[in-house]
Amino acid sequence: MPINVTGVDSTLKALRKFDPDLNKAMNKQIKAAMIPIRNTARGYMPSNSEVLSGWSRPTSSSETVNYRPFPPYDSAVARSGVVYRQGKNKKMPSGFQAAYYVANLSAPGAIYETAGRLPVARDKSKSLNPNAREQFLAPLPPLYGKNKERGRAIYRAWDEDHGHITLAVQKAISGAISKFNQSTFALAA
């Protein structure tokens, strides 16, 4: 779940420039708060036997098709794809950009995380099976979260955390800002 904090860019820039040790301490606190979410989300990724039977088998190779085939599910790839990252990610069309985040960078893991959260018109499906969507989603657990911010592993870990991580991240940022301001005012006096 995103935490919207304004003024982070200028604060982080000032911390890096004037007090790199304080910046490192803040990043260490944020990482310590976020790693349990990553680890919990990895635990929610299913084994190969828990997904739709055909999904764990490769359907075709890149030599036989001229498009990217649907990625086969591999639990090891999906679990290792759940990562914690520090630093700005790609800017969303809405202008939102994350400074610290947990994401699944593997294609099968991202599909497992988000499958079924957006309604799809039947006429837009590329499958020859008119019931493919329902059959794919049937064995998957429910989505956790609200609206577009819903998923099965990462969002479930955030949802079950009940905001403790959010408070820890906000506390780390606020504490760093407070210490930075105190040291700045002490130097000015």
C-alpha atoms as a PDB file:
ATOM      1  CA  MET A   1       0.000   0.000   0.000  1.00  0.00           C
ATOM      2  CA  PRO A   2       1.456   3.354  -0.942  1.00  0.00           C
ATOM      3  CA  ILE A   3       2.413   5.874   1.690  1.00  0.00           C
ATOM      4  CA  ASN A   4       2.072   9.387   0.327  1.00  0.00           C
ATOM      5  CA  VAL A   5       4.631  11.711   1.904  1.00  0.00           C
ATOM      6  CA  THR A   6       5.182  15.120   0.341  1.00  0.00           C
ATOM      7  CA  GLY A   7       8.570  16.802   0.316  1.00  0.00           C
ATOM      8  CA  VAL A   8      10.483  13.518   0.370  1.00  0.00           C
ATOM      9  CA  ASP A   9      12.557  14.355  -2.716  1.00  0.00           C
ATOM     10  CA  SER A  10      13.992  17.568  -1.298  1.00  0.00           C
ATOM     11  CA  THR A  11      14.494  16.011   2.145  1.00  0.00           C
ATOM     12  CA  LEU A  12      16.314  12.963   0.778  1.00  0.00           C
ATOM     13  CA  LYS A  13      18.459  15.165  -1.448  1.00  0.00           C
ATOM     14  CA  ALA A  14      19.413  17.357   1.532  1.00  0.00           C
ATOM     15  CA  LEU A  15      20.095  14.293   3.699  1.00  0.00           C
ATOM     16  CA  ARG A  16      22.356  12.752   1.073  1.00  0.00           C
ATOM     17  CA  LYS A  17      24.215  16.014   0.612  1.00  0.00           C
ATOM     18  CA  PHE A  18      24.579  17.292   4.186  1.00  0.00           C
ATOM     19  CA  ASP A  19      24.227  14.228   6.424  1.00  0.00           C
ATOM     20  CA  PRO A  20      24.891  10.961   4.561  1.00  0.00           C
ATOM     21  CA  ASP A  21      25.148   8.990   7.820  1.00  0.00           C
ATOM     22  CA  LEU A  22      21.637  10.053   8.833  1.00  0.00           C
ATOM     23  CA  ASN A  23      20.394   9.113   5.362  1.00  0.00           C
ATOM     24  CA  LYS A  24      21.989   5.649   5.672  1.00  0.00           C
ATOM     25  CA  ALA A  25      20.436   5.168   9.127  1.00  0.00           C
ATOM     26  CA  MET A  26      16.981   6.140   7.817  1.00  0.00           C
ATOM     27  CA  ASN A  27      17.309   3.784   4.832  1.00  0.00           C
ATOM     28  CA  LYS A  28      18.401   0.989   7.179  1.00  0.00           C
ATOM     29  CA  GLN A  29      15.306   1.528   9.386  1.00  0.00           C
ATOM     30  CA  ILE A  30      12.996   1.540   6.358  1.00  0.00           C
ATOM     31  CA  LYS A  31      14.599  -1.627   4.977  1.00  0.00           C
ATOM     32  CA  ALA A  32      14.226  -3.365   8.346  1.00  0.00           C
ATOM     33  CA  ALA A  33      10.524  -2.477   8.296  1.00  0.00           C
ATOM     34  CA  MET A  34       9.937  -3.563   4.673  1.00  0.00           C
ATOM     35  CA  ILE A  35      11.866  -6.856   4.559  1.00  0.00           C
ATOM     36  CA  PRO A  36       9.241  -8.728   6.672  1.00  0.00           C
ATOM     37  CA  ILE A  37       6.595  -7.776   4.066  1.00  0.00           C
ATOM     38  CA  ARG A  38       8.820  -9.160   1.306  1.00  0.00           C
ATOM     39  CA  ASN A  39       9.443 -12.386   3.218  1.00  0.00           C
ATOM     40  CA  THR A  40       5.770 -12.854   4.094  1.00  0.00           C
ATOM     41  CA  ALA A  41       4.754 -12.239   0.465  1.00  0.00           C
ATOM     42  CA  ARG A  42       7.271 -14.829  -0.720  1.00  0.00           C
ATOM     43  CA  GLY A  43       5.643 -17.332   1.630  1.00  0.00           C
ATOM     44  CA  TYR A  44       2.249 -16.687   0.001  1.00  0.00           C
ATOM     45  CA  MET A  45       3.472 -17.618  -3.488  1.00  0.00           C
ATOM     46  CA  PRO A  46       2.034 -21.067  -4.300  1.00  0.00           C
ATOM     47  CA  SER A  47       3.990 -24.160  -5.207  1.00  0.00           C
ATOM     48  CA  ASN A  48       3.824 -25.496  -8.768  1.00  0.00           C
ATOM     49  CA  SER A  49       1.202 -28.066  -7.768  1.00  0.00           C
ATOM     50  CA  GLU A  50      -1.144 -25.399  -6.348  1.00  0.00           C
ATOM     51  CA  VAL A  51      -1.726 -23.505  -9.607  1.00  0.00           C
ATOM     52  CA  LEU A  52      -3.798 -24.465 -12.624  1.00  0.00           C
ATOM     53  CA  SER A  53      -2.272 -27.694 -13.934  1.00  0.00           C
ATOM     54  CA  GLY A  54      -1.273 -26.394 -17.357  1.00  0.00           C
ATOM     55  CA  TRP A  55       0.259 -23.149 -16.099  1.00  0.00           C
ATOM     56  CA  SER A  56       3.411 -24.777 -14.724  1.00  0.00           C
ATOM     57  CA  ARG A  57       4.253 -26.372 -18.089  1.00  0.00           C
ATOM     58  CA  PRO A  58       5.782 -24.324 -20.894  1.00  0.00           C
ATOM     59  CA  THR A  59       3.333 -24.044 -23.778  1.00  0.00           C
ATOM     60  CA  SER A  60       5.705 -23.057 -26.551  1.00  0.00           C
ATOM     61  CA  SER A  61       9.199 -21.792 -27.111  1.00  0.00           C
ATOM     62  CA  SER A  62      10.318 -18.479 -28.515  1.00  0.00           C
ATOM     63  CA  GLU A  63      11.660 -20.343 -31.574  1.00  0.00           C
ATOM     64  CA  THR A  64       8.198 -21.563 -32.605  1.00  0.00           C
ATOM     65  CA  VAL A  65       6.240 -18.322 -32.106  1.00  0.00           C
ATOM     66  CA  ASN A  66       6.830 -14.720 -33.070  1.00  0.00           C
ATOM     67  CA  TYR A  67       5.295 -13.260 -29.903  1.00  0.00           C
ATOM     68  CA  ARG A  68       5.962 -13.564 -26.182  1.00  0.00           C
ATOM     69  CA  PRO A  69       4.166 -16.720 -25.021  1.00  0.00           C
ATOM     70  CA  PHE A  70       2.265 -16.789 -21.737  1.00  0.00           C
ATOM     71  CA  PRO A  71       4.956 -17.360 -19.089  1.00  0.00           C
ATOM     72  CA  PRO A  72       4.847 -20.743 -17.347  1.00  0.00           C
ATOM     73  CA  TYR A  73       4.594 -20.662 -13.558  1.00  0.00           C
ATOM     74  CA  ASP A  74       7.669 -21.668 -11.578  1.00  0.00           C
ATOM     75  CA  SER A  75       7.387 -21.215  -7.813  1.00  0.00           C
ATOM     76  CA  ALA A  76      11.139 -20.617  -7.388  1.00  0.00           C
ATOM     77  CA  VAL A  77      11.074 -17.836  -9.997  1.00  0.00           C
ATOM     78  CA  ALA A  78       7.902 -16.312  -8.539  1.00  0.00           C
ATOM     79  CA  ARG A  79       9.275 -16.353  -4.973  1.00  0.00           C
ATOM     80  CA  SER A  80      12.659 -14.919  -5.898  1.00  0.00           C
ATOM     81  CA  GLY A  81      10.885 -12.259  -7.962  1.00  0.00           C
ATOM     82  CA  VAL A  82       9.395 -10.700  -4.800  1.00  0.00           C
ATOM     83  CA  VAL A  83      11.948  -8.019  -3.966  1.00  0.00           C
ATOM     84  CA  TYR A  84      12.409  -4.933  -1.815  1.00  0.00           C
ATOM     85  CA  ARG A  85      13.840  -1.939  -3.664  1.00  0.00           C
ATOM     86  CA  GLN A  86      15.094   1.407  -2.489  1.00  0.00           C
ATOM     87  CA  GLY A  87      15.222   4.277  -4.938  1.00  0.00           C
ATOM     88  CA  LYS A  88      12.703   5.691  -7.336  1.00  0.00           C
ATOM     89  CA  ASN A  89      10.855   3.328  -9.596  1.00  0.00           C
ATOM     90  CA  LYS A  90       9.306   4.113 -12.968  1.00  0.00           C
ATOM     91  CA  LYS A  91       6.833   6.983 -12.830  1.00  0.00           C
ATOM     92  CA  MET A  92       3.206   5.888 -13.203  1.00  0.00           C
ATOM     93  CA  PRO A  93       0.881   7.662 -15.679  1.00  0.00           C
ATOM     94  CA  SER A  94      -0.768   9.336 -12.673  1.00  0.00           C
ATOM     95  CA  GLY A  95       2.600  10.857 -11.719  1.00  0.00           C
ATOM     96  CA  PHE A  96       3.034   8.619  -8.659  1.00  0.00           C
ATOM     97  CA  GLN A  97       6.542   7.303  -8.032  1.00  0.00           C
ATOM     98  CA  ALA A  98       7.723   5.079  -5.181  1.00  0.00           C
ATOM     99  CA  ALA A  99      10.924   5.712  -3.248  1.00  0.00           C
ATOM    100  CA  TYR A 100      10.793   2.404  -1.311  1.00  0.00           C
ATOM    101  CA  TYR A 101       8.719  -0.553  -2.457  1.00  0.00           C
ATOM    102  CA  VAL A 102       8.122  -4.296  -2.502  1.00  0.00           C
ATOM    103  CA  ALA A 103       7.219  -5.713  -5.912  1.00  0.00           C
ATOM    104  CA  ASN A 104       7.205  -8.955  -7.854  1.00  0.00           C
ATOM    105  CA  LEU A 105       9.522  -8.556 -10.828  1.00  0.00           C
ATOM    106  CA  SER A 106       8.895 -12.008 -12.311  1.00  0.00           C
ATOM    107  CA  ALA A 107       6.205 -12.352 -14.982  1.00  0.00           C
ATOM    108  CA  PRO A 108       4.484 -15.440 -13.470  1.00  0.00           C
ATOM    109  CA  GLY A 109       4.620 -13.909  -9.988  1.00  0.00           C
ATOM    110  CA  ALA A 110       3.123 -10.634 -11.192  1.00  0.00           C
ATOM    111  CA  ILE A 111       0.356 -12.547 -12.991  1.00  0.00           C
ATOM    112  CA  TYR A 112      -0.405 -14.539  -9.835  1.00  0.00           C
ATOM    113  CA  GLU A 113      -0.437 -11.327  -7.780  1.00  0.00           C
ATOM    114  CA  THR A 114      -2.811  -9.325  -9.992  1.00  0.00           C
ATOM    115  CA  ALA A 115      -4.849 -11.767 -12.111  1.00  0.00           C
ATOM    116  CA  GLY A 116      -8.514 -10.914 -12.115  1.00  0.00           C
ATOM    117  CA  ARG A 117      -8.375  -7.530 -10.441  1.00  0.00           C
ATOM    118  CA  LEU A 118      -9.571  -5.670 -13.520  1.00  0.00           C
ATOM    119  CA  PRO A 119     -12.739  -6.577 -15.389  1.00  0.00           C
ATOM    120  CA  VAL A 120     -12.082  -7.769 -18.927  1.00  0.00           C
ATOM    121  CA  ALA A 121     -14.629  -7.684 -21.733  1.00  0.00           C
ATOM    122  CA  ARG A 122     -15.138 -11.088 -23.336  1.00  0.00           C
ATOM    123  CA  ASP A 123     -14.598  -9.691 -26.818  1.00  0.00           C
ATOM    124  CA  LYS A 124     -11.072  -8.509 -25.839  1.00  0.00           C
ATOM    125  CA  SER A 125      -9.903 -11.986 -24.774  1.00  0.00           C
ATOM    126  CA  LYS A 126      -7.364 -13.565 -27.134  1.00  0.00           C
ATOM    127  CA  SER A 127      -8.158 -17.089 -25.967  1.00  0.00           C
ATOM    128  CA  LEU A 128     -10.108 -19.567 -28.044  1.00  0.00           C
ATOM    129  CA  ASN A 129     -11.707 -20.774 -24.804  1.00  0.00           C
ATOM    130  CA  PRO A 130     -14.552 -18.411 -23.824  1.00  0.00           C
ATOM    131  CA  ASN A 131     -14.271 -19.566 -20.179  1.00  0.00           C
ATOM    132  CA  ALA A 132     -10.469 -19.265 -19.940  1.00  0.00           C
ATOM    133  CA  ARG A 133     -10.527 -16.349 -17.500  1.00  0.00           C
ATOM    134  CA  GLU A 134     -12.893 -18.043 -15.066  1.00  0.00           C
ATOM    135  CA  GLN A 135     -11.019 -21.357 -15.281  1.00  0.00           C
ATOM    136  CA  PHE A 136      -7.671 -19.633 -14.659  1.00  0.00           C
ATOM    137  CA  LEU A 137      -8.970 -17.646 -11.679  1.00  0.00           C
ATOM    138  CA  ALA A 138     -10.971 -20.463 -10.036  1.00  0.00           C
ATOM    139  CA  PRO A 139      -8.086 -22.174  -8.177  1.00  0.00           C
ATOM    140  CA  LEU A 140      -6.475 -18.878  -7.130  1.00  0.00           C
ATOM    141  CA  PRO A 141      -7.087 -17.422  -3.651  1.00  0.00           C
ATOM    142  CA  PRO A 142      -9.026 -14.165  -3.269  1.00  0.00           C
ATOM    143  CA  LEU A 143      -7.515 -10.736  -3.817  1.00  0.00           C
ATOM    144  CA  TYR A 144      -6.670  -8.575  -0.789  1.00  0.00           C
ATOM    145  CA  GLY A 145      -6.818  -4.778  -0.730  1.00  0.00           C
ATOM    146  CA  LYS A 146      -9.058  -2.242  -2.439  1.00  0.00           C
ATOM    147  CA  ASN A 147      -9.691  -1.146  -6.033  1.00  0.00           C
ATOM    148  CA  LYS A 148      -6.551  -1.366  -8.195  1.00  0.00           C
ATOM    149  CA  GLU A 149      -4.414  -1.874  -5.100  1.00  0.00           C
ATOM    150  CA  ARG A 150      -5.320  -5.542  -4.745  1.00  0.00           C
ATOM    151  CA  GLY A 151      -3.252  -8.691  -4.927  1.00  0.00           C
ATOM    152  CA  ARG A 152      -2.705 -12.175  -3.558  1.00  0.00           C
ATOM    153  CA  ALA A 153       0.779 -12.088  -1.993  1.00  0.00           C
ATOM    154  CA  ILE A 154       2.287  -8.627  -1.519  1.00  0.00           C
ATOM    155  CA  TYR A 155      -1.036  -6.896  -0.935  1.00  0.00           C
ATOM    156  CA  ARG A 156      -2.088  -9.709   1.370  1.00  0.00           C
ATOM    157  CA  ALA A 157       1.078  -9.200   3.433  1.00  0.00           C
ATOM    158  CA  TRP A 158       0.377  -5.431   3.585  1.00  0.00           C
ATOM    159  CA  ASP A 159      -3.274  -6.047   4.482  1.00  0.00           C
ATOM    160  CA  GLU A 160      -2.416  -8.474   7.298  1.00  0.00           C
ATOM    161  CA  ASP A 161       0.183  -6.062   8.697  1.00  0.00           C
ATOM    162  CA  HIS A 162      -2.612  -3.638   9.741  1.00  0.00           C
ATOM    163  CA  GLY A 163      -0.485  -0.537   9.073  1.00  0.00           C
ATOM    164  CA  HIS A 164       2.474  -1.327  11.337  1.00  0.00           C
ATOM    165  CA  ILE A 165       4.943  -1.074   8.449  1.00  0.00           C
ATOM    166  CA  THR A 166       3.398   2.200   7.306  1.00  0.00           C
ATOM    167  CA  LEU A 167       3.879   3.669  10.765  1.00  0.00           C
ATOM    168  CA  ALA A 168       7.463   2.370  10.966  1.00  0.00           C
ATOM    169  CA  VAL A 169       8.355   3.950   7.601  1.00  0.00           C
ATOM    170  CA  GLN A 170       6.700   7.245   8.518  1.00  0.00           C
ATOM    171  CA  LYS A 171       8.493   7.197  11.874  1.00  0.00           C
ATOM    172  CA  ALA A 172      11.878   6.589  10.182  1.00  0.00           C
ATOM    173  CA  ILE A 173      11.338   9.461   7.740  1.00  0.00           C
ATOM    174  CA  SER A 174       9.990  11.833  10.413  1.00  0.00           C
ATOM    175  CA  GLY A 175      12.828  10.940  12.785  1.00  0.00           C
ATOM    176  CA  ALA A 176      15.430  11.597  10.094  1.00  0.00           C
ATOM    177  CA  ILE A 177      13.826  14.945   9.225  1.00  0.00           C
ATOM    178  CA  SER A 178      13.692  15.918  12.901  1.00  0.00           C
ATOM    179  CA  LYS A 179      17.353  14.981  13.502  1.00  0.00           C
ATOM    180  CA  PHE A 180      18.383  16.767  10.313  1.00  0.00           C
ATOM    181  CA  ASN A 181      16.530  19.933  11.334  1.00  0.00           C
ATOM    182  CA  GLN A 182      18.036  19.810  14.829  1.00  0.00           C
ATOM    183  CA  SER A 183      21.561  19.461  13.457  1.00  0.00           C
ATOM    184  CA  THR A 184      20.951  22.211  10.886  1.00  0.00           C
ATOM    185  CA  PHE A 185      19.648  24.625  13.519  1.00  0.00           C
ATOM    186  CA  ALA A 186      22.521  23.698  15.870  1.00  0.00           C
ATOM    187  CA  LEU A 187      25.034  24.535  13.134  1.00  0.00           C
ATOM    188  CA  ALA A 188      23.285  27.835  12.368  1.00  0.00           C
ATOM    189  CA  ALA A 189      23.334  28.920  16.043  1.00  0.00           C
END
